[in-house]
Every structure is written in C-alpha cells, then in structure tokens.
PDB file of N, CA and C in Angstrom:
ATOM      1  N   MET A   1     101.387  88.254  85.113  1.00  0.00           N
ATOM      2  CA  MET A   1     101.563  89.845  85.846  1.00  0.00           C
ATOM      3  C   MET A   1     100.429  89.710  86.658  1.00  0.00           C
ATOM      4  N   LYS A   2     100.726  90.409  87.885  1.00  0.00           N
ATOM      5  CA  LYS A   2      99.635  91.014  88.589  1.00  0.00           C
ATOM      6  C   LYS A   2      99.503  92.244  88.372  1.00  0.00           C
ATOM      7  N   ILE A   3      98.002  92.894  88.280  1.00  0.00           N
ATOM      8  CA  ILE A   3      97.599  94.331  88.344  1.00  0.00           C
ATOM      9  C   ILE A   3      97.249  94.707  89.375  1.00  0.00           C
ATOM     10  N   LEU A   4      97.682  95.751  89.907  1.00  0.00           N
ATOM     11  CA  LEU A   4      97.049  96.521  91.068  1.00  0.00           C
ATOM     12  C   LEU A   4      95.873  97.209  90.629  1.00  0.00           C
ATOM     13  N   ILE A   5      94.722  97.238  91.382  1.00  0.00           N
ATOM     14  CA  ILE A   5      93.573  97.754  91.063  1.00  0.00           C
ATOM     15  C   ILE A   5      92.961  98.504  92.189  1.00  0.00           C
ATOM     16  N   LEU A   6      92.948  99.791  92.421  1.00  0.00           N
ATOM     17  CA  LEU A   6      92.490 100.905  93.128  1.00  0.00           C
ATOM     18  C   LEU A   6      90.964 101.209  92.905  1.00  0.00           C
ATOM     19  N   ILE A   7      90.251 101.144  94.146  1.00  0.00           N
ATOM     20  CA  ILE A   7      88.784 101.772  93.889  1.00  0.00           C
ATOM     21  C   ILE A   7      88.806 103.253  94.682  1.00  0.00           C
ATOM     22  N   LEU A   8      88.391 103.856  93.848  1.00  0.00           N
ATOM     23  CA  LEU A   8      88.654 105.320  94.328  1.00  0.00           C
ATOM     24  C   LEU A   8      87.215 106.083  94.467  1.00  0.00           C
ATOM     25  N   ILE A   9      86.867 106.506  95.329  1.00  0.00           N
ATOM     26  CA  ILE A   9      85.625 107.511  95.457  1.00  0.00           C
ATOM     27  C   ILE A   9      86.021 108.791  96.077  1.00  0.00           C
ATOM     28  N   GLY A  10      85.246 109.795  95.596  1.00  0.00           N
ATOM     29  CA  GLY A  10      85.816 111.263  95.961  1.00  0.00           C
ATOM     30  C   GLY A  10      84.937 112.356  95.088  1.00  0.00           C
ATOM     31  N   LEU A  11      85.495 113.445  95.601  1.00  0.00           N
ATOM     32  CA  LEU A  11      84.928 114.706  95.136  1.00  0.00           C
ATOM     33  C   LEU A  11      86.074 115.189  94.451  1.00  0.00           C
ATOM     34  N   THR A  12      85.952 116.552  93.787  1.00  0.00           N
ATOM     35  CA  THR A  12      87.025 117.146  93.054  1.00  0.00           C
ATOM     36  C   THR A  12      88.505 117.370  93.623  1.00  0.00           C
ATOM     37  N   LEU A  13      88.376 117.890  94.914  1.00  0.00           N
ATOM     38  CA  LEU A  13      89.844 117.667  95.726  1.00  0.00           C
ATOM     39  C   LEU A  13      90.017 116.656  96.318  1.00  0.00           C
ATOM     40  N   PHE A  14      89.215 115.699  96.803  1.00  0.00           N
ATOM     41  CA  PHE A  14      89.724 114.777  97.800  1.00  0.00           C
ATOM     42  C   PHE A  14      89.278 113.510  97.446  1.00  0.00           C
ATOM     43  N   MET A  15      90.035 112.642  97.220  1.00  0.00           N
ATOM     44  CA  MET A  15      90.034 111.090  96.948  1.00  0.00           C
ATOM     45  C   MET A  15      90.378 110.185  98.125  1.00  0.00           C
ATOM     46  N   LEU A  16      89.684 108.804  98.121  1.00  0.00           N
ATOM     47  CA  LEU A  16      89.819 107.853  99.193  1.00  0.00           C
ATOM     48  C   LEU A  16      89.713 107.068  98.531  1.00  0.00           C
ATOM     49  N   ILE A  17      90.961 105.884  98.883  1.00  0.00           N
ATOM     50  CA  ILE A  17      91.221 104.806  98.454  1.00  0.00           C
ATOM     51  C   ILE A  17      90.108 103.603  99.374  1.00  0.00           C
ATOM     52  N   LEU A  18      89.255 103.118  98.630  1.00  0.00           N
ATOM     53  CA  LEU A  18      88.311 102.166  99.503  1.00  0.00           C
ATOM     54  C   LEU A  18      88.889 100.851  99.584  1.00  0.00           C
ATOM     55  N   GLU A  19      89.305 100.413  98.476  1.00  0.00           N
ATOM     56  CA  GLU A  19      90.161  99.059  98.373  1.00  0.00           C
ATOM     57  C   GLU A  19      91.203  99.107  97.428  1.00  0.00           C
ATOM     58  N   GLU A  20      92.282  98.063  97.544  1.00  0.00           N
ATOM     59  CA  GLU A  20      93.369  98.020  96.786  1.00  0.00           C
ATOM     60  C   GLU A  20      93.875  96.426  96.971  1.00  0.00           C
ATOM     61  N   GLY A  21      93.828  96.070  95.658  1.00  0.00           N
ATOM     62  CA  GLY A  21      94.814  94.526  95.661  1.00  0.00           C
ATOM     63  C   GLY A  21      94.667  94.293  94.226  1.00  0.00           C
ATOM     64  N   THR A  22      94.727  92.887  93.852  1.00  0.00           N
ATOM     65  CA  THR A  22      94.826  92.314  92.800  1.00  0.00           C
ATOM     66  C   THR A  22      93.132  91.958  92.643  1.00  0.00           C
ATOM     67  N   HIS A  23      92.674  91.784  91.075  1.00  0.00           N
ATOM     68  CA  HIS A  23      91.331  91.276  90.646  1.00  0.00           C
ATOM     69  C   HIS A  23      90.902  90.006  91.627  1.00  0.00           C
ATOM     70  N   GLU A  24      91.941  89.183  91.784  1.00  0.00           N
ATOM     71  CA  GLU A  24      91.362  87.880  92.823  1.00  0.00           C
ATOM     72  C   GLU A  24      91.271  88.137  94.057  1.00  0.00           C
ATOM     73  N   THR A  25      92.261  89.058  94.842  1.00  0.00           N
ATOM     74  CA  THR A  25      92.231  89.419  96.153  1.00  0.00           C
ATOM     75  C   THR A  25      90.711  90.211  96.488  1.00  0.00           C
ATOM     76  N   LEU A  26      90.605  91.084  95.337  1.00  0.00           N
ATOM     77  CA  LEU A  26      89.726  92.082  95.487  1.00  0.00           C
ATOM     78  C   LEU A  26      88.279  91.294  95.232  1.00  0.00           C
ATOM     79  N   LEU A  27      88.128  90.268  94.412  1.00  0.00           N
ATOM     80  CA  LEU A  27      87.047  89.448  94.499  1.00  0.00           C
ATOM     81  C   LEU A  27      86.732  88.637  95.885  1.00  0.00           C
ATOM     82  N   ALA A  28      87.556  87.996  96.319  1.00  0.00           N
ATOM     83  CA  ALA A  28      87.661  87.329  97.283  1.00  0.00           C
ATOM     84  C   ALA A  28      87.223  87.658  98.641  1.00  0.00           C
ATOM     85  N   ARG A  29      87.729  89.245  98.882  1.00  0.00           N
ATOM     86  CA  ARG A  29      87.116  89.916  99.981  1.00  0.00           C
ATOM     87  C   ARG A  29      85.703  90.321  99.784  1.00  0.00           C
ATOM     88  N   GLN A  30      84.909  90.200  98.480  1.00  0.00           N
ATOM     89  CA  GLN A  30      83.698  90.647  98.504  1.00  0.00           C
ATOM     90  C   GLN A  30      83.190  91.623  99.033  1.00  0.00           C
ATOM     91  N   GLY A  31      83.747  93.106  98.546  1.00  0.00           N
ATOM     92  CA  GLY A  31      83.594  94.528  98.996  1.00  0.00           C
ATOM     93  C   GLY A  31      82.862  94.972  97.745  1.00  0.00           C
ATOM     94  N   ARG A  32      83.308  96.290  97.802  1.00  0.00           N
ATOM     95  CA  ARG A  32      82.637  97.035  96.786  1.00  0.00           C
ATOM     96  C   ARG A  32      83.228  96.782  95.390  1.00  0.00           C
ATOM     97  N   TYR A  33      84.563  96.532  95.086  1.00  0.00           N
ATOM     98  CA  TYR A  33      84.657  96.190  93.722  1.00  0.00           C
ATOM     99  C   TYR A  33      84.177  94.830  93.357  1.00  0.00           C
ATOM    100  N   TYR A  34      83.890  93.744  94.420  1.00  0.00           N
ATOM    101  CA  TYR A  34      83.245  92.483  94.101  1.00  0.00           C
ATOM    102  C   TYR A  34      81.520  93.142  93.361  1.00  0.00           C
ATOM    103  N   GLU A  35      80.999  94.080  94.456  1.00  0.00           N
ATOM    104  CA  GLU A  35      79.821  94.390  93.726  1.00  0.00           C
ATOM    105  C   GLU A  35      79.703  94.829  92.619  1.00  0.00           C
ATOM    106  N   LEU A  36      80.784  95.960  92.141  1.00  0.00           N
ATOM    107  CA  LEU A  36      80.879  96.539  90.822  1.00  0.00           C
ATOM    108  C   LEU A  36      81.159  95.488  89.694  1.00  0.00           C
ATOM    109  N   TYR A  37      81.845  94.696  90.098  1.00  0.00           N
ATOM    110  CA  TYR A  37      82.278  93.479  88.997  1.00  0.00           C
ATOM    111  C   TYR A  37      81.118  92.706  88.629  1.00  0.00           C
ATOM    112  N   SER A  38      80.451  92.264  89.802  1.00  0.00           N
ATOM    113  CA  SER A  38      79.483  91.494  89.701  1.00  0.00           C
ATOM    114  C   SER A  38      78.223  91.746  89.001  1.00  0.00           C
ATOM    115  N   THR A  39      77.929  93.209  89.206  1.00  0.00           N
ATOM    116  CA  THR A  39      77.017  94.019  88.182  1.00  0.00           C
ATOM    117  C   THR A  39      77.334  94.123  87.095  1.00  0.00           C
ATOM    118  N   GLN A  40      78.520  94.488  86.846  1.00  0.00           N
ATOM    119  CA  GLN A  40      78.578  94.621  85.219  1.00  0.00           C
ATOM    120  C   GLN A  40      78.593  93.166  84.833  1.00  0.00           C
ATOM    121  N   ALA A  41      79.330  92.040  85.289  1.00  0.00           N
ATOM    122  CA  ALA A  41      79.319  90.760  84.689  1.00  0.00           C
ATOM    123  C   ALA A  41      78.053  90.466  84.518  1.00  0.00           C
ATOM    124  N   SER A  42      76.802  90.936  85.149  1.00  0.00           N
ATOM    125  CA  SER A  42      75.495  90.221  85.021  1.00  0.00           C
ATOM    126  C   SER A  42      74.885  90.559  83.987  1.00  0.00           C
ATOM    127  N   TYR A  43      75.156  91.680  83.118  1.00  0.00           N
ATOM    128  CA  TYR A  43      75.057  92.126  81.630  1.00  0.00           C
ATOM    129  C   TYR A  43      75.294  91.142  80.744  1.00  0.00           C
ATOM    130  N   TYR A  44      76.364  90.622  81.090  1.00  0.00           N
ATOM    131  CA  TYR A  44      77.301  89.815  79.827  1.00  0.00           C
ATOM    132  C   TYR A  44      76.670  88.222  79.887  1.00  0.00           C
ATOM    133  N   SER A  45      75.875  88.040  80.834  1.00  0.00           N
ATOM    134  CA  SER A  45      75.552  86.570  81.018  1.00  0.00           C
ATOM    135  C   SER A  45      74.378  86.096  80.814  1.00  0.00           C
TER     136      SER A  45
END
C-alpha cells in the first residue's frame, strides 16, 4: 500500500502544497521532504 504525503507550508488562511508523492518518490527528489526526513533521521542514528 502506498501512502500519499503532502508537504504543506502556509499561514492561517493560505496553504501551499510544496511537494506531493510517496515516501520513496519524495526522497528520490531530494527536496524539502528529503531535508526534513534526513534531519529527523539523524537524531536516531
């Protein structure tokens, strides 16, 4: 089963989708999701 992940940034009344895709495709793109995931993962290694 694939899960769709949306990376959102915005203010109270305005939201912008920065990236969307599965975990694997977002990591492969090495965009904002990759940066957030890598930062979080570094605390567990």
